[in-house]
């Protein structure tokens, strides 16, 4: 695993929505939900749509391009639990949000 990388301050992340971050060259979608921060790969498996721009309902984000949905906590594709995008670790130190790539 890589080291944790700062991706912004808490205030930079809108509640209940996603935001894009480039973490060590990787496109990551970071979500601020009621129960914390979550990070998954930003590129939808279908045609690489930007997951960070998709609508969020509960713990599910839906790709704005073609409607594929992912569990934000795990990265698992809702329509096919056998596949998904990578999930990454998050933490908050002071008021700084950090992400650690998991693969």
PDB file of N, CA and C in Angstrom:
ATOM      1  N   UNK A   1       0.828  -1.189   0.000  1.00  0.00           N
ATOM      2  CA  UNK A   1       0.000   0.000   0.000  1.00  0.00           C
ATOM      3  C   UNK A   1       0.866   1.244   0.000  1.00  0.00           C
ATOM      4  N   UNK A   2       0.317   2.294  -0.513  1.00  0.00           N
ATOM      5  CA  UNK A   2       1.015   3.570  -0.554  1.00  0.00           C
ATOM      6  C   UNK A   2       0.779   4.344   0.738  1.00  0.00           C
ATOM      7  N   UNK A   3       1.438   5.477   0.858  1.00  0.00           N
ATOM      8  CA  UNK A   3       1.233   6.364   1.991  1.00  0.00           C
ATOM      9  C   UNK A   3      -0.068   7.144   1.808  1.00  0.00           C
ATOM     10  N   UNK A   4      -0.564   7.703   2.901  1.00  0.00           N
ATOM     11  CA  UNK A   4      -1.720   8.596   2.817  1.00  0.00           C
ATOM     12  C   UNK A   4      -1.295   9.896   2.142  1.00  0.00           C
ATOM     13  N   UNK A   5      -2.178  10.426   1.284  1.00  0.00           N
ATOM     14  CA  UNK A   5      -1.933  11.658   0.534  1.00  0.00           C
ATOM     15  C   UNK A   5      -3.055  12.638   0.851  1.00  0.00           C
ATOM     16  N   UNK A   6      -2.706  13.874   1.173  1.00  0.00           N
ATOM     17  CA  UNK A   6      -3.703  14.911   1.432  1.00  0.00           C
ATOM     18  C   UNK A   6      -4.416  15.275   0.130  1.00  0.00           C
ATOM     19  N   UNK A   7      -5.751  15.339   0.185  1.00  0.00           N
ATOM     20  CA  UNK A   7      -6.537  15.665  -0.999  1.00  0.00           C
ATOM     21  C   UNK A   7      -7.388  16.921  -0.818  1.00  0.00           C
ATOM     22  N   UNK A   8      -7.346  17.531   0.356  1.00  0.00           N
ATOM     23  CA  UNK A   8      -8.093  18.766   0.582  1.00  0.00           C
ATOM     24  C   UNK A   8      -8.546  18.874   2.017  1.00  0.00           C
ATOM     25  N   UNK A   9      -9.140  20.007   2.327  1.00  0.00           N
ATOM     26  CA  UNK A   9      -9.708  20.234   3.656  1.00  0.00           C
ATOM     27  C   UNK A   9     -11.145  19.737   3.691  1.00  0.00           C
ATOM     28  N   UNK A  10     -11.634  19.439   4.864  1.00  0.00           N
ATOM     29  CA  UNK A  10     -13.012  18.956   5.014  1.00  0.00           C
ATOM     30  C   UNK A  10     -13.983  19.875   4.290  1.00  0.00           C
ATOM     31  N   UNK A  11     -13.802  21.180   4.437  1.00  0.00           N
ATOM     32  CA  UNK A  11     -14.714  22.156   3.838  1.00  0.00           C
ATOM     33  C   UNK A  11     -14.728  22.109   2.310  1.00  0.00           C
ATOM     34  N   UNK A  12     -13.713  21.497   1.704  1.00  0.00           N
ATOM     35  CA  UNK A  12     -13.643  21.394   0.242  1.00  0.00           C
ATOM     36  C   UNK A  12     -14.605  20.355  -0.325  1.00  0.00           C
ATOM     37  N   UNK A  13     -15.150  19.512   0.534  1.00  0.00           N
ATOM     38  CA  UNK A  13     -15.980  18.391   0.085  1.00  0.00           C
ATOM     39  C   UNK A  13     -17.440  18.636   0.440  1.00  0.00           C
ATOM     40  N   UNK A  14     -18.309  18.734  -0.550  1.00  0.00           N
ATOM     41  CA  UNK A  14     -19.724  18.949  -0.269  1.00  0.00           C
ATOM     42  C   UNK A  14     -20.357  17.710   0.368  1.00  0.00           C
ATOM     43  N   UNK A  15     -21.203  17.927   1.336  1.00  0.00           N
ATOM     44  CA  UNK A  15     -21.902  16.830   2.013  1.00  0.00           C
ATOM     45  C   UNK A  15     -22.810  16.104   1.032  1.00  0.00           C
ATOM     46  N   UNK A  16     -22.741  14.770   1.021  1.00  0.00           N
ATOM     47  CA  UNK A  16     -23.633  13.967   0.199  1.00  0.00           C
ATOM     48  C   UNK A  16     -23.315  13.957  -1.281  1.00  0.00           C
ATOM     49  N   UNK A  17     -22.069  14.292  -1.620  1.00  0.00           N
ATOM     50  CA  UNK A  17     -21.693  14.344  -3.040  1.00  0.00           C
ATOM     51  C   UNK A  17     -20.246  13.894  -3.212  1.00  0.00           C
ATOM     52  N   UNK A  18     -19.842  13.750  -4.465  1.00  0.00           N
ATOM     53  CA  UNK A  18     -18.480  13.332  -4.775  1.00  0.00           C
ATOM     54  C   UNK A  18     -17.635  14.481  -5.266  1.00  0.00           C
ATOM     55  N   UNK A  19     -16.332  14.252  -5.193  1.00  0.00           N
ATOM     56  CA  UNK A  19     -15.367  15.230  -5.690  1.00  0.00           C
ATOM     57  C   UNK A  19     -14.177  14.463  -6.264  1.00  0.00           C
ATOM     58  N   UNK A  20     -13.627  14.949  -7.351  1.00  0.00           N
ATOM     59  CA  UNK A  20     -12.481  14.319  -8.007  1.00  0.00           C
ATOM     60  C   UNK A  20     -11.180  14.696  -7.302  1.00  0.00           C
ATOM     61  N   UNK A  21     -10.257  13.728  -7.232  1.00  0.00           N
ATOM     62  CA  UNK A  21      -8.892  14.001  -6.767  1.00  0.00           C
ATOM     63  C   UNK A  21      -7.941  13.117  -7.571  1.00  0.00           C
ATOM     64  N   UNK A  22      -6.791  13.669  -7.884  1.00  0.00           N
ATOM     65  CA  UNK A  22      -5.733  12.896  -8.519  1.00  0.00           C
ATOM     66  C   UNK A  22      -4.777  12.485  -7.407  1.00  0.00           C
ATOM     67  N   UNK A  23      -4.689  11.187  -7.142  1.00  0.00           N
ATOM     68  CA  UNK A  23      -3.872  10.665  -6.047  1.00  0.00           C
ATOM     69  C   UNK A  23      -2.775   9.794  -6.649  1.00  0.00           C
ATOM     70  N   UNK A  24      -1.563  10.274  -6.594  1.00  0.00           N
ATOM     71  CA  UNK A  24      -0.422   9.542  -7.158  1.00  0.00           C
ATOM     72  C   UNK A  24      -0.698   9.102  -8.595  1.00  0.00           C
ATOM     73  N   UNK A  25      -1.300   9.998  -9.385  1.00  0.00           N
ATOM     74  CA  UNK A  25      -1.582   9.725 -10.781  1.00  0.00           C
ATOM     75  C   UNK A  25      -2.854   8.949 -11.042  1.00  0.00           C
ATOM     76  N   UNK A  26      -3.600   8.619 -10.008  1.00  0.00           N
ATOM     77  CA  UNK A  26      -4.821   7.823 -10.160  1.00  0.00           C
ATOM     78  C   UNK A  26      -6.060   8.691  -9.960  1.00  0.00           C
ATOM     79  N   UNK A  27      -7.073   8.471 -10.786  1.00  0.00           N
ATOM     80  CA  UNK A  27      -8.327   9.214 -10.695  1.00  0.00           C
ATOM     81  C   UNK A  27      -9.195   8.597  -9.602  1.00  0.00           C
ATOM     82  N   UNK A  28      -9.467   9.393  -8.558  1.00  0.00           N
ATOM     83  CA  UNK A  28     -10.205   8.905  -7.395  1.00  0.00           C
ATOM     84  C   UNK A  28     -11.419   9.800  -7.161  1.00  0.00           C
ATOM     85  N   UNK A  29     -12.543   9.179  -6.811  1.00  0.00           N
ATOM     86  CA  UNK A  29     -13.746   9.907  -6.409  1.00  0.00           C
ATOM     87  C   UNK A  29     -13.841   9.829  -4.891  1.00  0.00           C
ATOM     88  N   UNK A  30     -13.953  10.985  -4.255  1.00  0.00           N
ATOM     89  CA  UNK A  30     -14.041  11.043  -2.793  1.00  0.00           C
ATOM     90  C   UNK A  30     -15.427  11.551  -2.431  1.00  0.00           C
ATOM     91  N   UNK A  31     -16.076  10.850  -1.527  1.00  0.00           N
ATOM     92  CA  UNK A  31     -17.437  11.179  -1.127  1.00  0.00           C
ATOM     93  C   UNK A  31     -17.474  11.507   0.360  1.00  0.00           C
ATOM     94  N   UNK A  32     -18.180  12.578   0.695  1.00  0.00           N
ATOM     95  CA  UNK A  32     -18.402  12.953   2.096  1.00  0.00           C
ATOM     96  C   UNK A  32     -19.852  12.639   2.418  1.00  0.00           C
ATOM     97  N   UNK A  33     -20.038  11.598   3.224  1.00  0.00           N
ATOM     98  CA  UNK A  33     -21.373  11.186   3.621  1.00  0.00           C
ATOM     99  C   UNK A  33     -21.555  11.421   5.121  1.00  0.00           C
ATOM    100  N   UNK A  34     -22.759  11.183   5.607  1.00  0.00           N
ATOM    101  CA  UNK A  34     -23.034  11.404   7.030  1.00  0.00           C
ATOM    102  C   UNK A  34     -22.125  10.582   7.935  1.00  0.00           C
ATOM    103  N   UNK A  35     -21.711   9.408   7.477  1.00  0.00           N
ATOM    104  CA  UNK A  35     -20.902   8.523   8.323  1.00  0.00           C
ATOM    105  C   UNK A  35     -19.420   8.524   7.946  1.00  0.00           C
ATOM    106  N   UNK A  36     -18.959   9.563   7.232  1.00  0.00           N
ATOM    107  CA  UNK A  36     -17.533   9.683   6.984  1.00  0.00           C
ATOM    108  C   UNK A  36     -17.187   9.927   5.526  1.00  0.00           C
ATOM    109  N   UNK A  37     -15.889   9.808   5.258  1.00  0.00           N
ATOM    110  CA  UNK A  37     -15.357   9.978   3.909  1.00  0.00           C
ATOM    111  C   UNK A  37     -15.067   8.611   3.306  1.00  0.00           C
ATOM    112  N   UNK A  38     -15.335   8.494   2.007  1.00  0.00           N
ATOM    113  CA  UNK A  38     -15.109   7.250   1.280  1.00  0.00           C
ATOM    114  C   UNK A  38     -14.439   7.581  -0.041  1.00  0.00           C
ATOM    115  N   UNK A  39     -13.581   6.676  -0.530  1.00  0.00           N
ATOM    116  CA  UNK A  39     -12.883   6.899  -1.792  1.00  0.00           C
ATOM    117  C   UNK A  39     -12.910   5.631  -2.630  1.00  0.00           C
ATOM    118  N   UNK A  40     -13.261   5.797  -3.902  1.00  0.00           N
ATOM    119  CA  UNK A  40     -13.245   4.705  -4.873  1.00  0.00           C
ATOM    120  C   UNK A  40     -12.625   5.238  -6.164  1.00  0.00           C
ATOM    121  N   UNK A  41     -12.218   4.321  -7.044  1.00  0.00           N
ATOM    122  CA  UNK A  41     -11.746   4.762  -8.352  1.00  0.00           C
ATOM    123  C   UNK A  41     -12.853   5.572  -9.022  1.00  0.00           C
ATOM    124  N   UNK A  42     -12.466   6.607  -9.731  1.00  0.00           N
ATOM    125  CA  UNK A  42     -13.434   7.538 -10.309  1.00  0.00           C
ATOM    126  C   UNK A  42     -14.000   7.079 -11.639  1.00  0.00           C
ATOM    127  N   UNK A  43     -13.402   6.095 -12.280  1.00  0.00           N
ATOM    128  CA  UNK A  43     -13.790   5.728 -13.641  1.00  0.00           C
ATOM    129  C   UNK A  43     -14.732   4.526 -13.652  1.00  0.00           C
ATOM    130  N   UNK A  44     -15.951   4.752 -14.121  1.00  0.00           N
ATOM    131  CA  UNK A  44     -16.943   3.681 -14.227  1.00  0.00           C
ATOM    132  C   UNK A  44     -16.404   2.562 -15.114  1.00  0.00           C
ATOM    133  N   UNK A  45     -16.738   1.336 -14.755  1.00  0.00           N
ATOM    134  CA  UNK A  45     -16.283   0.175 -15.528  1.00  0.00           C
ATOM    135  C   UNK A  45     -16.866   0.128 -16.942  1.00  0.00           C
ATOM    136  N   UNK A  46     -17.998   0.756 -17.148  1.00  0.00           N
ATOM    137  CA  UNK A  46     -18.676   0.675 -18.437  1.00  0.00           C
ATOM    138  C   UNK A  46     -17.925   1.437 -19.520  1.00  0.00           C
ATOM    139  N   UNK A  47     -17.845   2.764 -19.394  1.00  0.00           N
ATOM    140  CA  UNK A  47     -17.143   3.567 -20.396  1.00  0.00           C
ATOM    141  C   UNK A  47     -16.357   4.691 -19.738  1.00  0.00           C
ATOM    142  N   UNK A  48     -15.863   4.433 -18.528  1.00  0.00           N
ATOM    143  CA  UNK A  48     -14.997   5.359 -17.796  1.00  0.00           C
ATOM    144  C   UNK A  48     -15.664   6.692 -17.459  1.00  0.00           C
ATOM    145  N   UNK A  49     -16.968   6.658 -17.228  1.00  0.00           N
ATOM    146  CA  UNK A  49     -17.681   7.862 -16.807  1.00  0.00           C
ATOM    147  C   UNK A  49     -17.194   8.325 -15.441  1.00  0.00           C
ATOM    148  N   UNK A  50     -17.330   9.630 -15.156  1.00  0.00           N
ATOM    149  CA  UNK A  50     -16.825  10.206 -13.912  1.00  0.00           C
ATOM    150  C   UNK A  50     -17.766   9.962 -12.730  1.00  0.00           C
ATOM    151  N   UNK A  51     -17.461   8.984 -11.907  1.00  0.00           N
ATOM    152  CA  UNK A  51     -18.328   8.658 -10.781  1.00  0.00           C
ATOM    153  C   UNK A  51     -18.483   9.818  -9.809  1.00  0.00           C
ATOM    154  N   UNK A  52     -17.461  10.659  -9.682  1.00  0.00           N
ATOM    155  CA  UNK A  52     -17.541  11.787  -8.756  1.00  0.00           C
ATOM    156  C   UNK A  52     -18.657  12.755  -9.118  1.00  0.00           C
ATOM    157  N   UNK A  53     -19.118  12.739 -10.361  1.00  0.00           N
ATOM    158  CA  UNK A  53     -20.174  13.644 -10.814  1.00  0.00           C
ATOM    159  C   UNK A  53     -21.563  13.032 -10.740  1.00  0.00           C
ATOM    160  N   UNK A  54     -21.653  11.774 -10.324  1.00  0.00           N
ATOM    161  CA  UNK A  54     -22.939  11.092 -10.291  1.00  0.00           C
ATOM    162  C   UNK A  54     -23.764  11.427  -9.065  1.00  0.00           C
ATOM    163  N   UNK A  55     -25.076  11.239  -9.171  1.00  0.00           N
ATOM    164  CA  UNK A  55     -25.936  11.462  -8.014  1.00  0.00           C
ATOM    165  C   UNK A  55     -25.697  10.394  -6.948  1.00  0.00           C
ATOM    166  N   UNK A  56     -25.796  10.818  -5.691  1.00  0.00           N
ATOM    167  CA  UNK A  56     -25.585   9.925  -4.556  1.00  0.00           C
ATOM    168  C   UNK A  56     -26.902   9.749  -3.815  1.00  0.00           C
ATOM    169  N   UNK A  57     -27.251   8.490  -3.553  1.00  0.00           N
ATOM    170  CA  UNK A  57     -28.428   8.179  -2.746  1.00  0.00           C
ATOM    171  C   UNK A  57     -28.019   7.158  -1.706  1.00  0.00           C
ATOM    172  N   UNK A  58     -28.018   7.572  -0.461  1.00  0.00           N
ATOM    173  CA  UNK A  58     -27.523   6.699   0.600  1.00  0.00           C
ATOM    174  C   UNK A  58     -26.039   6.454   0.404  1.00  0.00           C
ATOM    175  N   UNK A  59     -25.671   5.175   0.234  1.00  0.00           N
ATOM    176  CA  UNK A  59     -24.274   4.808   0.003  1.00  0.00           C
ATOM    177  C   UNK A  59     -24.027   4.374  -1.437  1.00  0.00           C
ATOM    178  N   UNK A  60     -24.887   4.813  -2.348  1.00  0.00           N
ATOM    179  CA  UNK A  60     -24.775   4.402  -3.747  1.00  0.00           C
ATOM    180  C   UNK A  60     -24.597   5.628  -4.642  1.00  0.00           C
ATOM    181  N   UNK A  61     -23.597   5.549  -5.525  1.00  0.00           N
ATOM    182  CA  UNK A  61     -23.403   6.585  -6.544  1.00  0.00           C
ATOM    183  C   UNK A  61     -23.735   5.958  -7.895  1.00  0.00           C
ATOM    184  N   UNK A  62     -24.407   6.735  -8.736  1.00  0.00           N
ATOM    185  CA  UNK A  62     -24.785   6.268 -10.057  1.00  0.00           C
ATOM    186  C   UNK A  62     -24.009   7.061 -11.109  1.00  0.00           C
ATOM    187  N   UNK A  63     -23.360   6.344 -12.012  1.00  0.00           N
ATOM    188  CA  UNK A  63     -22.594   7.007 -13.068  1.00  0.00           C
ATOM    189  C   UNK A  63     -23.522   7.908 -13.883  1.00  0.00           C
ATOM    190  N   UNK A  64     -23.118   9.163 -14.080  1.00  0.00           N
ATOM    191  CA  UNK A  64     -23.993  10.086 -14.804  1.00  0.00           C
ATOM    192  C   UNK A  64     -24.115   9.788 -16.300  1.00  0.00           C
ATOM    193  N   UNK A  65     -23.252   8.956 -16.840  1.00  0.00           N
ATOM    194  CA  UNK A  65     -23.303   8.669 -18.274  1.00  0.00           C
ATOM    195  C   UNK A  65     -24.327   7.613 -18.637  1.00  0.00           C
ATOM    196  N   UNK A  66     -24.311   6.441 -17.972  1.00  0.00           N
ATOM    197  CA  UNK A  66     -25.187   5.350 -18.391  1.00  0.00           C
ATOM    198  C   UNK A  66     -25.866   4.604 -17.252  1.00  0.00           C
ATOM    199  N   UNK A  67     -25.793   5.125 -16.036  1.00  0.00           N
ATOM    200  CA  UNK A  67     -26.597   4.582 -14.952  1.00  0.00           C
ATOM    201  C   UNK A  67     -26.046   3.390 -14.197  1.00  0.00           C
ATOM    202  N   UNK A  68     -24.796   3.043 -14.374  1.00  0.00           N
ATOM    203  CA  UNK A  68     -24.238   1.964 -13.565  1.00  0.00           C
ATOM    204  C   UNK A  68     -24.051   2.495 -12.149  1.00  0.00           C
ATOM    205  N   UNK A  69     -24.411   1.680 -11.140  1.00  0.00           N
ATOM    206  CA  UNK A  69     -24.391   2.137  -9.750  1.00  0.00           C
ATOM    207  C   UNK A  69     -23.389   1.346  -8.926  1.00  0.00           C
ATOM    208  N   UNK A  70     -22.729   2.060  -7.997  1.00  0.00           N
ATOM    209  CA  UNK A  70     -21.679   1.467  -7.168  1.00  0.00           C
ATOM    210  C   UNK A  70     -21.921   1.774  -5.692  1.00  0.00           C
ATOM    211  N   UNK A  71     -21.632   0.794  -4.844  1.00  0.00           N
ATOM    212  CA  UNK A  71     -21.646   1.027  -3.408  1.00  0.00           C
ATOM    213  C   UNK A  71     -20.387   1.820  -3.064  1.00  0.00           C
ATOM    214  N   UNK A  72     -20.560   3.004  -2.535  1.00  0.00           N
ATOM    215  CA  UNK A  72     -19.439   3.893  -2.239  1.00  0.00           C
ATOM    216  C   UNK A  72     -18.520   3.300  -1.176  1.00  0.00           C
ATOM    217  N   UNK A  73     -19.054   2.488  -0.279  1.00  0.00           N
ATOM    218  CA  UNK A  73     -18.248   1.920   0.818  1.00  0.00           C
ATOM    219  C   UNK A  73     -17.324   0.811   0.348  1.00  0.00           C
ATOM    220  N   UNK A  74     -17.705   0.106  -0.724  1.00  0.00           N
ATOM    221  CA  UNK A  74     -16.931  -1.061  -1.162  1.00  0.00           C
ATOM    222  C   UNK A  74     -16.429  -0.966  -2.595  1.00  0.00           C
ATOM    223  N   UNK A  75     -17.069  -0.146  -3.417  1.00  0.00           N
ATOM    224  CA  UNK A  75     -16.742  -0.083  -4.843  1.00  0.00           C
ATOM    225  C   UNK A  75     -17.477  -1.119  -5.676  1.00  0.00           C
ATOM    226  N   UNK A  76     -18.263  -1.984  -5.038  1.00  0.00           N
ATOM    227  CA  UNK A  76     -18.957  -3.071  -5.738  1.00  0.00           C
ATOM    228  C   UNK A  76     -20.065  -2.513  -6.633  1.00  0.00           C
ATOM    229  N   UNK A  77     -20.147  -3.046  -7.840  1.00  0.00           N
ATOM    230  CA  UNK A  77     -21.199  -2.676  -8.780  1.00  0.00           C
ATOM    231  C   UNK A  77     -22.523  -3.243  -8.277  1.00  0.00           C
ATOM    232  N   UNK A  78     -23.524  -2.393  -8.120  1.00  0.00           N
ATOM    233  CA  UNK A  78     -24.817  -2.818  -7.587  1.00  0.00           C
ATOM    234  C   UNK A  78     -25.483  -3.837  -8.514  1.00  0.00           C
ATOM    235  N   UNK A  79     -25.378  -3.650  -9.819  1.00  0.00           N
ATOM    236  CA  UNK A  79     -26.038  -4.535 -10.783  1.00  0.00           C
ATOM    237  C   UNK A  79     -25.357  -5.898 -10.918  1.00  0.00           C
ATOM    238  N   UNK A  80     -24.104  -6.019 -10.466  1.00  0.00           N
ATOM    239  CA  UNK A  80     -23.364  -7.285 -10.559  1.00  0.00           C
ATOM    240  C   UNK A  80     -22.340  -7.318  -9.431  1.00  0.00           C
ATOM    241  N   UNK A  81     -22.703  -7.915  -8.320  1.00  0.00           N
ATOM    242  CA  UNK A  81     -21.861  -7.939  -7.130  1.00  0.00           C
ATOM    243  C   UNK A  81     -20.524  -8.636  -7.292  1.00  0.00           C
ATOM    244  N   UNK A  82     -20.267  -9.215  -8.450  1.00  0.00           N
ATOM    245  CA  UNK A  82     -19.004  -9.903  -8.681  1.00  0.00           C
ATOM    246  C   UNK A  82     -17.897  -9.003  -9.195  1.00  0.00           C
ATOM    247  N   UNK A  83     -18.216  -7.759  -9.516  1.00  0.00           N
ATOM    248  CA  UNK A  83     -17.216  -6.826 -10.037  1.00  0.00           C
ATOM    249  C   UNK A  83     -17.386  -5.464  -9.373  1.00  0.00           C
ATOM    250  N   UNK A  84     -16.416  -4.618  -9.580  1.00  0.00           N
ATOM    251  CA  UNK A  84     -16.508  -3.261  -9.034  1.00  0.00           C
ATOM    252  C   UNK A  84     -15.219  -2.505  -9.285  1.00  0.00           C
ATOM    253  N   UNK A  85     -15.175  -1.296  -8.755  1.00  0.00           N
ATOM    254  CA  UNK A  85     -13.977  -0.468  -8.824  1.00  0.00           C
ATOM    255  C   UNK A  85     -13.249  -0.578  -7.492  1.00  0.00           C
ATOM    256  N   UNK A  86     -11.994  -0.192  -7.475  1.00  0.00           N
ATOM    257  CA  UNK A  86     -11.205  -0.297  -6.242  1.00  0.00           C
ATOM    258  C   UNK A  86     -11.676   0.719  -5.210  1.00  0.00           C
ATOM    259  N   UNK A  87     -11.656   0.291  -3.955  1.00  0.00           N
ATOM    260  CA  UNK A  87     -11.954   1.149  -2.822  1.00  0.00           C
ATOM    261  C   UNK A  87     -10.637   1.512  -2.167  1.00  0.00           C
ATOM    262  N   UNK A  88     -10.542   2.747  -1.682  1.00  0.00           N
ATOM    263  CA  UNK A  88      -9.311   3.216  -1.063  1.00  0.00           C
ATOM    264  C   UNK A  88      -9.578   3.700   0.360  1.00  0.00           C
ATOM    265  N   UNK A  89      -8.555   3.664   1.194  1.00  0.00           N
ATOM    266  CA  UNK A  89      -8.680   4.085   2.585  1.00  0.00           C
ATOM    267  C   UNK A  89      -8.715   5.600   2.684  1.00  0.00           C
ATOM    268  N   UNK A  90      -9.472   6.095   3.644  1.00  0.00           N
ATOM    269  CA  UNK A  90      -9.519   7.526   3.916  1.00  0.00           C
ATOM    270  C   UNK A  90      -9.309   7.753   5.404  1.00  0.00           C
ATOM    271  N   UNK A  91      -8.845   8.953   5.724  1.00  0.00           N
ATOM    272  CA  UNK A  91      -8.769   9.388   7.112  1.00  0.00           C
ATOM    273  C   UNK A  91      -8.756  10.909   7.126  1.00  0.00           C
ATOM    274  N   UNK A  92      -9.099  11.459   8.285  1.00  0.00           N
ATOM    275  CA  UNK A  92      -9.068  12.900   8.471  1.00  0.00           C
ATOM    276  C   UNK A  92      -8.086  13.189   9.592  1.00  0.00           C
ATOM    277  N   UNK A  93      -7.113  14.037   9.303  1.00  0.00           N
ATOM    278  CA  UNK A  93      -6.119  14.451  10.290  1.00  0.00           C
ATOM    279  C   UNK A  93      -6.283  15.959  10.461  1.00  0.00           C
ATOM    280  N   UNK A  94      -6.736  16.371  11.642  1.00  0.00           N
ATOM    281  CA  UNK A  94      -7.084  17.779  11.834  1.00  0.00           C
ATOM    282  C   UNK A  94      -8.290  18.069  10.955  1.00  0.00           C
ATOM    283  N   UNK A  95      -8.134  18.971  10.001  1.00  0.00           N
ATOM    284  CA  UNK A  95      -9.223  19.216   9.044  1.00  0.00           C
ATOM    285  C   UNK A  95      -8.831  18.827   7.622  1.00  0.00           C
ATOM    286  N   UNK A  96      -7.795  17.993   7.498  1.00  0.00           N
ATOM    287  CA  UNK A  96      -7.288  17.571   6.195  1.00  0.00           C
ATOM    288  C   UNK A  96      -7.747  16.142   5.890  1.00  0.00           C
ATOM    289  N   UNK A  97      -8.347  15.982   4.721  1.00  0.00           N
ATOM    290  CA  UNK A  97      -8.784  14.659   4.249  1.00  0.00           C
ATOM    291  C   UNK A  97      -7.623  14.015   3.517  1.00  0.00           C
ATOM    292  N   UNK A  98      -7.371  12.737   3.834  1.00  0.00           N
ATOM    293  CA  UNK A  98      -6.272  12.017   3.214  1.00  0.00           C
ATOM    294  C   UNK A  98      -6.781  10.700   2.635  1.00  0.00           C
ATOM    295  N   UNK A  99      -6.137  10.263   1.543  1.00  0.00           N
ATOM    296  CA  UNK A  99      -6.492   9.006   0.873  1.00  0.00           C
ATOM    297  C   UNK A  99      -5.234   8.162   0.747  1.00  0.00           C
ATOM    298  N   UNK A 100      -5.414   6.866   0.963  1.00  0.00           N
ATOM    299  CA  UNK A 100      -4.353   5.891   0.771  1.00  0.00           C
ATOM    300  C   UNK A 100      -4.827   4.888  -0.285  1.00  0.00           C
ATOM    301  N   UNK A 101      -4.112   4.822  -1.414  1.00  0.00           N
ATOM    302  CA  UNK A 101      -4.474   3.863  -2.455  1.00  0.00           C
ATOM    303  C   UNK A 101      -4.278   2.450  -1.922  1.00  0.00           C
ATOM    304  N   UNK A 102      -5.205   1.557  -2.266  1.00  0.00           N
ATOM    305  CA  UNK A 102      -5.116   0.184  -1.751  1.00  0.00           C
ATOM    306  C   UNK A 102      -4.514  -0.791  -2.732  1.00  0.00           C
ATOM    307  N   UNK A 103      -4.362  -0.397  -3.980  1.00  0.00           N
ATOM    308  CA  UNK A 103      -3.728  -1.296  -4.956  1.00  0.00           C
ATOM    309  C   UNK A 103      -3.077  -0.504  -6.061  1.00  0.00           C
TER     310      UNK A 103
END
